[in-house]
Amino acid sequence: MVIQKPGRGRPSRQFILDQVDLGMRDLARTGGLPAPVENQAIWRDIWYEEVHNSTAIEGNTLALKQVKILLDEGRSVGNKELCEYLEVKAYAQAAEWVYAQGRMPGEWGASEASLSLTELRHIHRLTVSPVWEFFPPNDLHPDEGPGNFRCHDIAQFGGGMRPPSFTDVPAEVADWLRLVNSEPGAAVHPLLALASIHAGFERIHPFRDGNGRVGRLILNLLLVRQGYPAAVLRNRSRPVYLRALQRADAGDPWPLAEMLGRAVMESLDRFLLPSLAGPAKLLPISALALPTLPLRSIRVAAERGRLRAIKDEAGRWMSTRQWVDDYRRTRRVGRPPKGTPTG
């Protein structure tokens, strides 16, 4: 099926999900999602970005550079509160466990279920235990420790949604897990189903604290178990993310699915495809952009025949890293000679 290129204006949400499907096809041509032990560099770059952005959404103030130094060297750079450093290190540990589940399910993931209650509790323990050891939430009930459900009710959220009473949390989580582990149906795109699942978890807010971080970790666990790359929901888009969650609470998961689709495409184009494809394999030009050669410039060069490129059956411009490098060299000295092949 040929996907029509959208006209002027914002692409449709369905178009975004269609592009994800094409990107996953490109990933399959490179061998699919690699396990962390197969390509540590790719996963480490995603890891830095996710740890930084997911903790920043919850108010952590460490910059990306500070996060990298903390995780690589164990040094606390900057005059930050100890709690912030502990949050980052704990989230990083949890994310490493999540990534390892893509191809190599660990001891918790022996069943065929997409997610078990044991895994849910395990992710929460990894995420909050190092922090709560020194900085537990106020009035923490003895039964509300890491991995245990809350024993307090939560006030209504700003958008008007009120999480269920703590007495209803076990039943709500059981219902949610049944949804997680059910087949969404062929007519429902996997990312649309995951958007509803993610919003459902945040609606329950089953733990005393850490629900936002745990919810995004679970989202990435479900993604990698389905062969998708982990998605980085960026702190700069926090207001959009919160509004999308509110829309999902009201029964419309499409804005959240679109945001998730864009995040998956960014992981494909920025981290996975350029590293896995090598210099000679055809890739969509969105995966070949560089800080010194943005996507707009590459597209114009392809359209004008200055960059060797072809269109695939979906109408996307495709090129290779080698062809882009050749274009960059000729670009410095002027246009390539007439008759240069363009496909």
C-alpha atoms as a PDB file:
ATOM      1  CA  MET A   1       0.000   0.000   0.000  1.00  0.00           C
ATOM      2  CA  VAL A   2       1.323   3.420  -0.931  1.00  0.00           C
ATOM      3  CA  ILE A   3       0.961   5.931   1.875  1.00  0.00           C
ATOM      4  CA  GLN A   4       0.085   9.308   0.507  1.00  0.00           C
ATOM      5  CA  LYS A   5       2.289  12.153   1.586  1.00  0.00           C
ATOM      6  CA  PRO A   6       0.220  14.649   3.576  1.00  0.00           C
ATOM      7  CA  GLY A   7      -0.399  18.070   2.129  1.00  0.00           C
ATOM      8  CA  ARG A   8       0.535  21.301   3.760  1.00  0.00           C
ATOM      9  CA  GLY A   9      -0.082  21.485   7.471  1.00  0.00           C
ATOM     10  CA  ARG A  10       0.194  18.956  10.264  1.00  0.00           C
ATOM     11  CA  PRO A  11       0.328  15.268   9.229  1.00  0.00           C
ATOM     12  CA  SER A  12      -2.641  13.186  10.348  1.00  0.00           C
ATOM     13  CA  ARG A  13      -2.271  10.944  13.386  1.00  0.00           C
ATOM     14  CA  GLN A  14      -2.867   7.881  11.248  1.00  0.00           C
ATOM     15  CA  PHE A  15      -0.079   9.037   8.935  1.00  0.00           C
ATOM     16  CA  ILE A  16       2.295   9.152  11.930  1.00  0.00           C
ATOM     17  CA  LEU A  17       1.444   5.560  12.866  1.00  0.00           C
ATOM     18  CA  ASP A  18       1.806   4.481   9.234  1.00  0.00           C
ATOM     19  CA  GLN A  19       5.291   5.990   9.245  1.00  0.00           C
ATOM     20  CA  VAL A  20       6.100   3.977  12.366  1.00  0.00           C
ATOM     21  CA  ASP A  21       5.067   0.813  10.518  1.00  0.00           C
ATOM     22  CA  LEU A  22       7.379   1.722   7.638  1.00  0.00           C
ATOM     23  CA  GLY A  23      10.185   2.484  10.072  1.00  0.00           C
ATOM     24  CA  MET A  24       9.719  -0.906  11.713  1.00  0.00           C
ATOM     25  CA  ARG A  25       9.944  -2.504   8.280  1.00  0.00           C
ATOM     26  CA  ASP A  26      13.240  -0.661   7.761  1.00  0.00           C
ATOM     27  CA  LEU A  27      14.415  -1.933  11.139  1.00  0.00           C
ATOM     28  CA  ALA A  28      13.501  -5.505  10.152  1.00  0.00           C
ATOM     29  CA  ARG A  29      15.707  -5.162   7.043  1.00  0.00           C
ATOM     30  CA  THR A  30      18.673  -4.408   9.320  1.00  0.00           C
ATOM     31  CA  GLY A  31      18.009  -7.484  11.470  1.00  0.00           C
ATOM     32  CA  GLY A  32      15.447  -6.118  13.904  1.00  0.00           C
ATOM     33  CA  LEU A  33      15.807  -4.719  17.396  1.00  0.00           C
ATOM     34  CA  PRO A  34      19.210  -5.759  18.771  1.00  0.00           C
ATOM     35  CA  ALA A  35      19.603  -6.966  22.321  1.00  0.00           C
ATOM     36  CA  PRO A  36      21.641  -4.664  24.590  1.00  0.00           C
ATOM     37  CA  VAL A  37      24.481  -7.200  24.693  1.00  0.00           C
ATOM     38  CA  GLU A  38      24.607  -7.104  20.877  1.00  0.00           C
ATOM     39  CA  ASN A  39      24.875  -3.333  20.521  1.00  0.00           C
ATOM     40  CA  GLN A  40      25.536  -1.577  23.785  1.00  0.00           C
ATOM     41  CA  ALA A  41      26.279   1.792  22.166  1.00  0.00           C
ATOM     42  CA  ILE A  42      22.777   2.190  20.706  1.00  0.00           C
ATOM     43  CA  TRP A  43      21.020   1.291  23.926  1.00  0.00           C
ATOM     44  CA  ARG A  44      23.324   3.460  26.006  1.00  0.00           C
ATOM     45  CA  ASP A  45      22.497   6.552  23.947  1.00  0.00           C
ATOM     46  CA  ILE A  46      18.761   5.891  24.372  1.00  0.00           C
ATOM     47  CA  TRP A  47      19.371   5.151  28.061  1.00  0.00           C
ATOM     48  CA  TYR A  48      20.928   8.554  28.742  1.00  0.00           C
ATOM     49  CA  GLU A  49      18.075  10.340  26.997  1.00  0.00           C
ATOM     50  CA  GLU A  50      15.318   8.377  28.696  1.00  0.00           C
ATOM     51  CA  VAL A  51      16.781   8.648  32.184  1.00  0.00           C
ATOM     52  CA  HIS A  52      17.243  12.384  31.820  1.00  0.00           C
ATOM     53  CA  ASN A  53      13.867  13.179  30.278  1.00  0.00           C
ATOM     54  CA  SER A  54      11.673  10.840  32.312  1.00  0.00           C
ATOM     55  CA  THR A  55      13.067  12.043  35.625  1.00  0.00           C
ATOM     56  CA  ALA A  56      12.946  15.664  34.423  1.00  0.00           C
ATOM     57  CA  ILE A  57       9.221  15.307  33.695  1.00  0.00           C
ATOM     58  CA  GLU A  58       8.817  14.658  37.431  1.00  0.00           C
ATOM     59  CA  GLY A  59      10.868  17.721  38.368  1.00  0.00           C
ATOM     60  CA  ASN A  60      14.447  16.432  38.494  1.00  0.00           C
ATOM     61  CA  THR A  61      16.810  19.288  37.556  1.00  0.00           C
ATOM     62  CA  LEU A  62      19.950  17.408  36.447  1.00  0.00           C
ATOM     63  CA  ALA A  63      21.016  18.382  32.935  1.00  0.00           C
ATOM     64  CA  LEU A  64      21.731  15.672  30.365  1.00  0.00           C
ATOM     65  CA  LYS A  65      25.489  16.215  30.679  1.00  0.00           C
ATOM     66  CA  GLN A  66      25.272  15.814  34.458  1.00  0.00           C
ATOM     67  CA  VAL A  67      23.237  12.625  34.045  1.00  0.00           C
ATOM     68  CA  LYS A  68      25.883  11.146  31.736  1.00  0.00           C
ATOM     69  CA  ILE A  69      28.725  11.940  34.134  1.00  0.00           C
ATOM     70  CA  LEU A  70      26.792  10.494  37.072  1.00  0.00           C
ATOM     71  CA  LEU A  71      25.999   7.260  35.234  1.00  0.00           C
ATOM     72  CA  ASP A  72      29.390   6.834  33.545  1.00  0.00           C
ATOM     73  CA  GLU A  73      31.739   7.996  36.274  1.00  0.00           C
ATOM     74  CA  GLY A  74      29.628   7.868  39.423  1.00  0.00           C
ATOM     75  CA  ARG A  75      30.430  11.526  40.093  1.00  0.00           C
ATOM     76  CA  SER A  76      27.817  13.961  41.341  1.00  0.00           C
ATOM     77  CA  VAL A  77      28.316  17.083  39.252  1.00  0.00           C
ATOM     78  CA  GLY A  78      26.549  20.311  40.179  1.00  0.00           C
ATOM     79  CA  ASN A  79      25.051  21.587  43.381  1.00  0.00           C
ATOM     80  CA  LYS A  80      21.940  19.403  43.426  1.00  0.00           C
ATOM     81  CA  GLU A  81      20.045  17.717  46.221  1.00  0.00           C
ATOM     82  CA  LEU A  82      21.116  14.148  47.025  1.00  0.00           C
ATOM     83  CA  CYS A  83      17.571  13.003  46.289  1.00  0.00           C
ATOM     84  CA  GLU A  84      17.932  14.045  42.639  1.00  0.00           C
ATOM     85  CA  TYR A  85      21.107  12.025  42.117  1.00  0.00           C
ATOM     86  CA  LEU A  86      19.480   8.990  43.729  1.00  0.00           C
ATOM     87  CA  GLU A  87      16.410   9.347  41.492  1.00  0.00           C
ATOM     88  CA  VAL A  88      18.541   9.352  38.373  1.00  0.00           C
ATOM     89  CA  LYS A  89      20.645   6.350  39.393  1.00  0.00           C
ATOM     90  CA  ALA A  90      17.582   4.348  40.443  1.00  0.00           C
ATOM     91  CA  TYR A  91      15.721   5.100  37.214  1.00  0.00           C
ATOM     92  CA  ALA A  92      18.806   4.158  35.222  1.00  0.00           C
ATOM     93  CA  GLN A  93      18.989   0.784  36.962  1.00  0.00           C
ATOM     94  CA  ALA A  94      15.309   0.141  36.259  1.00  0.00           C
ATOM     95  CA  ALA A  95      15.668   1.170  32.597  1.00  0.00           C
ATOM     96  CA  GLU A  96      18.604  -1.206  32.117  1.00  0.00           C
ATOM     97  CA  TRP A  97      16.454  -4.054  33.397  1.00  0.00           C
ATOM     98  CA  VAL A  98      13.623  -3.017  31.055  1.00  0.00           C
ATOM     99  CA  TYR A  99      15.871  -2.892  27.975  1.00  0.00           C
ATOM    100  CA  ALA A 100      17.195  -6.375  28.690  1.00  0.00           C
ATOM    101  CA  GLN A 101      13.696  -7.777  28.258  1.00  0.00           C
ATOM    102  CA  GLY A 102      13.537  -7.059  24.528  1.00  0.00           C
ATOM    103  CA  ARG A 103      15.292 -10.227  23.397  1.00  0.00           C
ATOM    104  CA  MET A 104      16.379 -11.824  26.653  1.00  0.00           C
ATOM    105  CA  PRO A 105      13.528 -12.049  29.197  1.00  0.00           C
ATOM    106  CA  GLY A 106      14.911 -12.179  32.702  1.00  0.00           C
ATOM    107  CA  GLU A 107      13.892 -14.346  35.611  1.00  0.00           C
ATOM    108  CA  TRP A 108      10.703 -12.358  36.099  1.00  0.00           C
ATOM    109  CA  GLY A 109       9.562 -12.737  32.489  1.00  0.00           C
ATOM    110  CA  ALA A 110       9.348 -16.482  32.035  1.00  0.00           C
ATOM    111  CA  SER A 111       5.609 -16.489  31.269  1.00  0.00           C
ATOM    112  CA  GLU A 112       4.046 -15.564  27.955  1.00  0.00           C
ATOM    113  CA  ALA A 113       2.289 -12.593  29.549  1.00  0.00           C
ATOM    114  CA  SER A 114       3.318  -9.141  28.356  1.00  0.00           C
ATOM    115  CA  LEU A 115       3.516  -7.990  31.964  1.00  0.00           C
ATOM    116  CA  SER A 116       3.039  -9.743  35.278  1.00  0.00           C
ATOM    117  CA  LEU A 117       2.145  -8.326  38.667  1.00  0.00           C
ATOM    118  CA  THR A 118       5.538  -9.494  39.934  1.00  0.00           C
ATOM    119  CA  GLU A 119       7.282  -7.494  37.211  1.00  0.00           C
ATOM    120  CA  LEU A 120       5.187  -4.424  37.970  1.00  0.00           C
ATOM    121  CA  ARG A 121       6.195  -4.565  41.631  1.00  0.00           C
ATOM    122  CA  HIS A 122       9.823  -5.248  40.679  1.00  0.00           C
ATOM    123  CA  ILE A 123      10.030  -2.147  38.465  1.00  0.00           C
ATOM    124  CA  HIS A 124       8.606  -0.004  41.262  1.00  0.00           C
ATOM    125  CA  ARG A 125      11.160  -1.372  43.726  1.00  0.00           C
ATOM    126  CA  LEU A 126      14.037  -0.639  41.361  1.00  0.00           C
ATOM    127  CA  THR A 127      12.739   2.889  40.743  1.00  0.00           C
ATOM    128  CA  VAL A 128      12.093   4.076  44.303  1.00  0.00           C
ATOM    129  CA  SER A 129      14.006   1.876  46.775  1.00  0.00           C
ATOM    130  CA  PRO A 130      17.325   3.800  46.644  1.00  0.00           C
ATOM    131  CA  VAL A 131      15.441   7.079  47.083  1.00  0.00           C
ATOM    132  CA  TRP A 132      12.999   6.008  49.778  1.00  0.00           C
ATOM    133  CA  GLU A 133      15.822   4.574  51.884  1.00  0.00           C
ATOM    134  CA  PHE A 134      16.811   8.166  52.674  1.00  0.00           C
ATOM    135  CA  PHE A 135      13.843  10.232  51.487  1.00  0.00           C
ATOM    136  CA  PRO A 136      10.589   8.325  52.032  1.00  0.00           C
ATOM    137  CA  PRO A 137       7.292  10.081  51.218  1.00  0.00           C
ATOM    138  CA  ASN A 138       5.647  11.905  54.080  1.00  0.00           C
ATOM    139  CA  ASP A 139       3.455   9.731  56.307  1.00  0.00           C
ATOM    140  CA  LEU A 140       4.475   6.575  54.483  1.00  0.00           C
ATOM    141  CA  HIS A 141       2.363   3.689  55.782  1.00  0.00           C
ATOM    142  CA  PRO A 142       4.317   0.561  56.817  1.00  0.00           C
ATOM    143  CA  ASP A 143       2.498  -1.388  54.090  1.00  0.00           C
ATOM    144  CA  GLU A 144       3.322   1.171  51.377  1.00  0.00           C
ATOM    145  CA  GLY A 145       6.959   0.239  50.898  1.00  0.00           C
ATOM    146  CA  PRO A 146       8.605  -0.180  47.484  1.00  0.00           C
ATOM    147  CA  GLY A 147       6.592  -2.554  45.324  1.00  0.00           C
ATOM    148  CA  ASN A 148       3.463  -2.290  47.482  1.00  0.00           C
ATOM    149  CA  PHE A 149       0.266  -0.478  46.570  1.00  0.00           C
ATOM    150  CA  ARG A 150      -0.730   2.744  48.268  1.00  0.00           C
ATOM    151  CA  CYS A 151      -2.759   2.814  51.474  1.00  0.00           C
ATOM    152  CA  HIS A 152      -3.850   6.417  50.989  1.00  0.00           C
ATOM    153  CA  ASP A 153      -6.309   8.077  48.658  1.00  0.00           C
ATOM    154  CA  ILE A 154      -4.924  10.586  46.146  1.00  0.00           C
ATOM    155  CA  ALA A 155      -6.408  14.019  45.589  1.00  0.00           C
ATOM    156  CA  GLN A 156      -8.080  14.837  42.285  1.00  0.00           C
ATOM    157  CA  PHE A 157      -5.641  15.697  39.488  1.00  0.00           C
ATOM    158  CA  GLY A 158      -5.548  19.112  37.878  1.00  0.00           C
ATOM    159  CA  GLY A 159      -7.433  17.886  34.800  1.00  0.00           C
ATOM    160  CA  GLY A 160     -10.335  16.674  36.919  1.00  0.00           C
ATOM    161  CA  MET A 161      -9.518  12.954  37.045  1.00  0.00           C
ATOM    162  CA  ARG A 162      -9.616  11.344  40.496  1.00  0.00           C
ATOM    163  CA  PRO A 163      -7.674   8.092  41.003  1.00  0.00           C
ATOM    164  CA  PRO A 164      -9.645   5.254  42.575  1.00  0.00           C
ATOM    165  CA  SER A 165      -9.766   4.745  46.307  1.00  0.00           C
ATOM    166  CA  PHE A 166      -6.808   2.783  47.643  1.00  0.00           C
ATOM    167  CA  THR A 167      -9.183  -0.024  48.632  1.00  0.00           C
ATOM    168  CA  ASP A 168     -10.022  -0.495  44.935  1.00  0.00           C
ATOM    169  CA  VAL A 169      -6.427  -0.458  43.670  1.00  0.00           C
ATOM    170  CA  PRO A 170      -5.776  -4.249  43.724  1.00  0.00           C
ATOM    171  CA  ALA A 171      -8.917  -4.971  41.699  1.00  0.00           C
ATOM    172  CA  GLU A 172      -8.207  -2.053  39.321  1.00  0.00           C
ATOM    173  CA  VAL A 173      -4.645  -3.280  38.720  1.00  0.00           C
ATOM    174  CA  ALA A 174      -5.889  -6.819  38.084  1.00  0.00           C
ATOM    175  CA  ASP A 175      -8.333  -5.511  35.468  1.00  0.00           C
ATOM    176  CA  TRP A 176      -5.587  -3.360  33.935  1.00  0.00           C
ATOM    177  CA  LEU A 177      -3.199  -6.322  33.706  1.00  0.00           C
ATOM    178  CA  ARG A 178      -5.873  -8.322  31.895  1.00  0.00           C
ATOM    179  CA  LEU A 179      -6.071  -5.491  29.369  1.00  0.00           C
ATOM    180  CA  VAL A 180      -2.275  -5.388  29.045  1.00  0.00           C
ATOM    181  CA  ASN A 181      -2.080  -9.111  28.377  1.00  0.00           C
ATOM    182  CA  SER A 182      -5.015  -9.300  25.956  1.00  0.00           C
ATOM    183  CA  GLU A 183      -4.782  -9.041  22.176  1.00  0.00           C
ATOM    184  CA  PRO A 184      -5.897  -5.559  21.016  1.00  0.00           C
ATOM    185  CA  GLY A 185      -7.327  -6.861  17.751  1.00  0.00           C
ATOM    186  CA  ALA A 186      -6.053  -6.505  14.212  1.00  0.00           C
ATOM    187  CA  ALA A 187      -7.931  -3.253  13.646  1.00  0.00           C
ATOM    188  CA  VAL A 188      -6.193  -1.464  16.541  1.00  0.00           C
ATOM    189  CA  HIS A 189      -2.646  -0.232  15.986  1.00  0.00           C
ATOM    190  CA  PRO A 190      -0.269  -1.486  18.725  1.00  0.00           C
ATOM    191  CA  LEU A 191       0.750   2.067  19.650  1.00  0.00           C
ATOM    192  CA  LEU A 192      -2.878   3.141  20.014  1.00  0.00           C
ATOM    193  CA  ALA A 193      -3.447   0.182  22.332  1.00  0.00           C
ATOM    194  CA  LEU A 194      -0.295   1.070  24.308  1.00  0.00           C
ATOM    195  CA  ALA A 195      -1.465   4.668  24.666  1.00  0.00           C
ATOM    196  CA  SER A 196      -4.685   3.439  26.303  1.00  0.00           C
ATOM    197  CA  ILE A 197      -2.705   1.059  28.514  1.00  0.00           C
ATOM    198  CA  HIS A 198      -0.311   3.785  29.644  1.00  0.00           C
ATOM    199  CA  ALA A 199      -3.125   6.199  30.414  1.00  0.00           C
ATOM    200  CA  GLY A 200      -4.957   3.442  32.302  1.00  0.00           C
ATOM    201  CA  PHE A 201      -1.979   2.877  34.580  1.00  0.00           C
ATOM    202  CA  GLU A 202      -1.566   6.572  35.337  1.00  0.00           C
ATOM    203  CA  ARG A 203      -5.307   6.805  36.018  1.00  0.00           C
ATOM    204  CA  ILE A 204      -5.021   4.112  38.714  1.00  0.00           C
ATOM    205  CA  HIS A 205      -1.837   5.561  40.240  1.00  0.00           C
ATOM    206  CA  PRO A 206      -1.380   2.369  42.270  1.00  0.00           C
ATOM    207  CA  PHE A 207       1.720   3.361  44.243  1.00  0.00           C
ATOM    208  CA  ARG A 208       2.297   6.028  46.856  1.00  0.00           C
ATOM    209  CA  ASP A 209       4.881   7.748  44.629  1.00  0.00           C
ATOM    210  CA  GLY A 210       6.834   7.049  41.443  1.00  0.00           C
ATOM    211  CA  ASN A 211       3.793   6.289  39.277  1.00  0.00           C
ATOM    212  CA  GLY A 212       4.873   8.558  36.401  1.00  0.00           C
ATOM    213  CA  ARG A 213       8.359   7.066  36.190  1.00  0.00           C
ATOM    214  CA  VAL A 214       7.104   3.508  36.595  1.00  0.00           C
ATOM    215  CA  GLY A 215       4.381   4.079  33.992  1.00  0.00           C
ATOM    216  CA  ARG A 216       6.911   5.199  31.379  1.00  0.00           C
ATOM    217  CA  LEU A 217       9.215   2.296  32.219  1.00  0.00           C
ATOM    218  CA  ILE A 218       6.327  -0.137  31.755  1.00  0.00           C
ATOM    219  CA  LEU A 219       5.475   1.550  28.469  1.00  0.00           C
ATOM    220  CA  ASN A 220       9.011   0.904  27.233  1.00  0.00           C
ATOM    221  CA  LEU A 221       8.974  -2.647  28.576  1.00  0.00           C
ATOM    222  CA  LEU A 222       5.869  -3.362  26.485  1.00  0.00           C
ATOM    223  CA  LEU A 223       7.446  -1.654  23.473  1.00  0.00           C
ATOM    224  CA  VAL A 224      10.691  -3.643  23.518  1.00  0.00           C
ATOM    225  CA  ARG A 225       8.818  -6.891  24.105  1.00  0.00           C
ATOM    226  CA  GLN A 226       6.963  -6.207  20.868  1.00  0.00           C
ATOM    227  CA  GLY A 227      10.188  -5.432  18.989  1.00  0.00           C
ATOM    228  CA  TYR A 228       9.866  -1.635  19.063  1.00  0.00           C
ATOM    229  CA  PRO A 229      12.672   0.607  20.318  1.00  0.00           C
ATOM    230  CA  ALA A 230      12.264   2.334  23.647  1.00  0.00           C
ATOM    231  CA  ALA A 231      10.509   5.697  23.337  1.00  0.00           C
ATOM    232  CA  VAL A 232      11.818   8.872  24.969  1.00  0.00           C
ATOM    233  CA  LEU A 233       8.983  11.192  26.009  1.00  0.00           C
ATOM    234  CA  ARG A 234      10.788  14.502  26.272  1.00  0.00           C
ATOM    235  CA  ASN A 235      10.571  16.918  29.150  1.00  0.00           C
ATOM    236  CA  ARG A 236      10.169  19.875  26.782  1.00  0.00           C
ATOM    237  CA  SER A 237       6.872  18.287  25.680  1.00  0.00           C
ATOM    238  CA  ARG A 238       5.612  17.777  29.241  1.00  0.00           C
ATOM    239  CA  PRO A 239       2.545  20.040  28.835  1.00  0.00           C
ATOM    240  CA  VAL A 240       1.577  18.211  25.621  1.00  0.00           C
ATOM    241  CA  TYR A 241       2.076  14.873  27.369  1.00  0.00           C
ATOM    242  CA  LEU A 242      -0.138  15.835  30.309  1.00  0.00           C
ATOM    243  CA  ARG A 243      -2.871  17.116  27.992  1.00  0.00           C
ATOM    244  CA  ALA A 244      -2.671  13.886  25.996  1.00  0.00           C
ATOM    245  CA  LEU A 245      -3.129  11.881  29.200  1.00  0.00           C
ATOM    246  CA  GLN A 246      -6.180  13.989  30.024  1.00  0.00           C
ATOM    247  CA  ARG A 247      -7.607  13.345  26.559  1.00  0.00           C
ATOM    248  CA  ALA A 248      -7.010   9.620  27.010  1.00  0.00           C
ATOM    249  CA  ASP A 249      -8.796   9.761  30.370  1.00  0.00           C
ATOM    250  CA  ALA A 250     -11.743  11.272  28.516  1.00  0.00           C
ATOM    251  CA  GLY A 251     -11.766   8.382  26.049  1.00  0.00           C
ATOM    252  CA  ASP A 252      -9.545   9.706  23.235  1.00  0.00           C
ATOM    253  CA  PRO A 253      -6.107   8.000  23.221  1.00  0.00           C
ATOM    254  CA  TRP A 254      -5.133   9.335  19.768  1.00  0.00           C
ATOM    255  CA  PRO A 255      -3.103  12.386  20.916  1.00  0.00           C
ATOM    256  CA  LEU A 256      -1.071  10.161  23.229  1.00  0.00           C
ATOM    257  CA  ALA A 257      -0.653   7.545  20.477  1.00  0.00           C
ATOM    258  CA  GLU A 258       0.618  10.257  18.130  1.00  0.00           C
ATOM    259  CA  MET A 259       3.120  11.438  20.728  1.00  0.00           C
ATOM    260  CA  LEU A 260       4.258   7.863  21.279  1.00  0.00           C
ATOM    261  CA  GLY A 261       4.562   7.314  17.525  1.00  0.00           C
ATOM    262  CA  ARG A 262       6.753  10.381  17.109  1.00  0.00           C
ATOM    263  CA  ALA A 263       8.962   9.208  19.986  1.00  0.00           C
ATOM    264  CA  VAL A 264       9.359   5.741  18.458  1.00  0.00           C
ATOM    265  CA  MET A 265      10.246   7.276  15.088  1.00  0.00           C
ATOM    266  CA  GLU A 266      12.854   9.477  16.750  1.00  0.00           C
ATOM    267  CA  SER A 267      14.463   6.410  18.320  1.00  0.00           C
ATOM    268  CA  LEU A 268      14.449   4.634  14.953  1.00  0.00           C
ATOM    269  CA  ASP A 269      15.829   7.581  12.965  1.00  0.00           C
ATOM    270  CA  ARG A 270      18.289   8.913  15.511  1.00  0.00           C
ATOM    271  CA  PHE A 271      19.658   5.859  17.266  1.00  0.00           C
ATOM    272  CA  LEU A 272      18.861   2.567  15.544  1.00  0.00           C
ATOM    273  CA  LEU A 273      18.704   2.794  11.758  1.00  0.00           C
ATOM    274  CA  PRO A 274      21.853   4.904  11.169  1.00  0.00           C
ATOM    275  CA  SER A 275      23.929   2.605  13.392  1.00  0.00           C
ATOM    276  CA  LEU A 276      22.572  -0.716  12.157  1.00  0.00           C
ATOM    277  CA  ALA A 277      22.286  -0.092   8.414  1.00  0.00           C
ATOM    278  CA  GLY A 278      25.917   0.637   7.569  1.00  0.00           C
ATOM    279  CA  PRO A 279      27.062   3.007   4.804  1.00  0.00           C
ATOM    280  CA  ALA A 280      25.488   1.254   1.802  1.00  0.00           C
ATOM    281  CA  LYS A 281      21.967   0.256   2.882  1.00  0.00           C
ATOM    282  CA  LEU A 282      19.030   2.395   1.786  1.00  0.00           C
ATOM    283  CA  LEU A 283      17.338   4.340   4.576  1.00  0.00           C
ATOM    284  CA  PRO A 284      14.636   6.998   4.711  1.00  0.00           C
ATOM    285  CA  ILE A 285      16.311  10.394   4.575  1.00  0.00           C
ATOM    286  CA  SER A 286      14.848  11.196   8.004  1.00  0.00           C
ATOM    287  CA  ALA A 287      17.409   8.717   9.399  1.00  0.00           C
ATOM    288  CA  LEU A 288      20.307  10.391   7.566  1.00  0.00           C
ATOM    289  CA  ALA A 289      19.968  13.965   8.815  1.00  0.00           C
ATOM    290  CA  LEU A 290      22.914  15.481  10.690  1.00  0.00           C
ATOM    291  CA  PRO A 291      23.359  18.567  12.869  1.00  0.00           C
ATOM    292  CA  THR A 292      25.289  20.111   9.956  1.00  0.00           C
ATOM    293  CA  LEU A 293      22.879  18.788   7.336  1.00  0.00           C
ATOM    294  CA  PRO A 294      19.265  18.982   8.543  1.00  0.00           C
ATOM    295  CA  LEU A 295      16.429  16.982   7.074  1.00  0.00           C
ATOM    296  CA  ARG A 296      15.030  19.920   5.118  1.00  0.00           C
ATOM    297  CA  SER A 297      18.339  20.376   3.285  1.00  0.00           C
ATOM    298  CA  ILE A 298      18.569  16.669   2.474  1.00  0.00           C
ATOM    299  CA  ARG A 299      15.002  16.609   1.156  1.00  0.00           C
ATOM    300  CA  VAL A 300      15.593  19.627  -1.090  1.00  0.00           C
ATOM    301  CA  ALA A 301      18.815  18.080  -2.389  1.00  0.00           C
ATOM    302  CA  ALA A 302      17.007  14.822  -3.193  1.00  0.00           C
ATOM    303  CA  GLU A 303      14.129  16.608  -4.924  1.00  0.00           C
ATOM    304  CA  ARG A 304      16.528  18.678  -7.051  1.00  0.00           C
ATOM    305  CA  GLY A 305      18.694  15.721  -7.989  1.00  0.00           C
ATOM    306  CA  ARG A 306      21.746  16.941  -6.110  1.00  0.00           C
ATOM    307  CA  LEU A 307      21.681  14.014  -3.698  1.00  0.00           C
ATOM    308  CA  ARG A 308      21.521  10.496  -5.059  1.00  0.00           C
ATOM    309  CA  ALA A 309      18.209   9.179  -3.784  1.00  0.00           C
ATOM    310  CA  ILE A 310      15.218   7.123  -4.856  1.00  0.00           C
ATOM    311  CA  LYS A 311      11.594   6.915  -3.792  1.00  0.00           C
ATOM    312  CA  ASP A 312      10.233   3.687  -2.322  1.00  0.00           C
ATOM    313  CA  GLU A 313       6.758   2.326  -2.901  1.00  0.00           C
ATOM    314  CA  ALA A 314       5.423   4.443  -0.035  1.00  0.00           C
ATOM    315  CA  GLY A 315       6.699   7.636  -1.661  1.00  0.00           C
ATOM    316  CA  ARG A 316       9.538   8.199   0.809  1.00  0.00           C
ATOM    317  CA  TRP A 317      12.899   9.515  -0.324  1.00  0.00           C
ATOM    318  CA  MET A 318      15.556   6.879   0.387  1.00  0.00           C
ATOM    319  CA  SER A 319      19.299   7.319   0.331  1.00  0.00           C
ATOM    320  CA  THR A 320      22.425   5.881   1.959  1.00  0.00           C
ATOM    321  CA  ARG A 321      25.026   7.244   4.319  1.00  0.00           C
ATOM    322  CA  GLN A 322      27.609   6.932   1.555  1.00  0.00           C
ATOM    323  CA  TRP A 323      25.482   8.937  -0.893  1.00  0.00           C
ATOM    324  CA  VAL A 324      24.895  11.622   1.740  1.00  0.00           C
ATOM    325  CA  ASP A 325      28.632  11.801   2.417  1.00  0.00           C
ATOM    326  CA  ASP A 326      29.264  12.116  -1.336  1.00  0.00           C
ATOM    327  CA  TYR A 327      26.726  14.947  -1.495  1.00  0.00           C
ATOM    328  CA  ARG A 328      28.364  16.736   1.419  1.00  0.00           C
ATOM    329  CA  ARG A 329      31.726  16.651  -0.367  1.00  0.00           C
ATOM    330  CA  THR A 330      30.309  17.999  -3.643  1.00  0.00           C
ATOM    331  CA  ARG A 331      28.249  20.527  -1.728  1.00  0.00           C
ATOM    332  CA  ARG A 332      31.411  22.183  -0.480  1.00  0.00           C
ATOM    333  CA  VAL A 333      32.688  22.847  -3.979  1.00  0.00           C
ATOM    334  CA  GLY A 334      29.396  23.456  -5.758  1.00  0.00           C
ATOM    335  CA  ARG A 335      26.763  21.443  -7.513  1.00  0.00           C
ATOM    336  CA  PRO A 336      27.636  17.992  -8.867  1.00  0.00           C
ATOM    337  CA  PRO A 337      28.229  17.716 -12.595  1.00  0.00           C
ATOM    338  CA  LYS A 338      25.242  17.381 -14.830  1.00  0.00           C
ATOM    339  CA  GLY A 339      24.280  13.806 -15.435  1.00  0.00           C
ATOM    340  CA  THR A 340      25.046  12.642 -11.876  1.00  0.00           C
ATOM    341  CA  PRO A 341      22.764   9.650 -11.252  1.00  0.00           C
ATOM    342  CA  THR A 342      19.899  10.278  -8.857  1.00  0.00           C
ATOM    343  CA  GLY A 343      18.613   6.782  -8.422  1.00  0.00           C
END
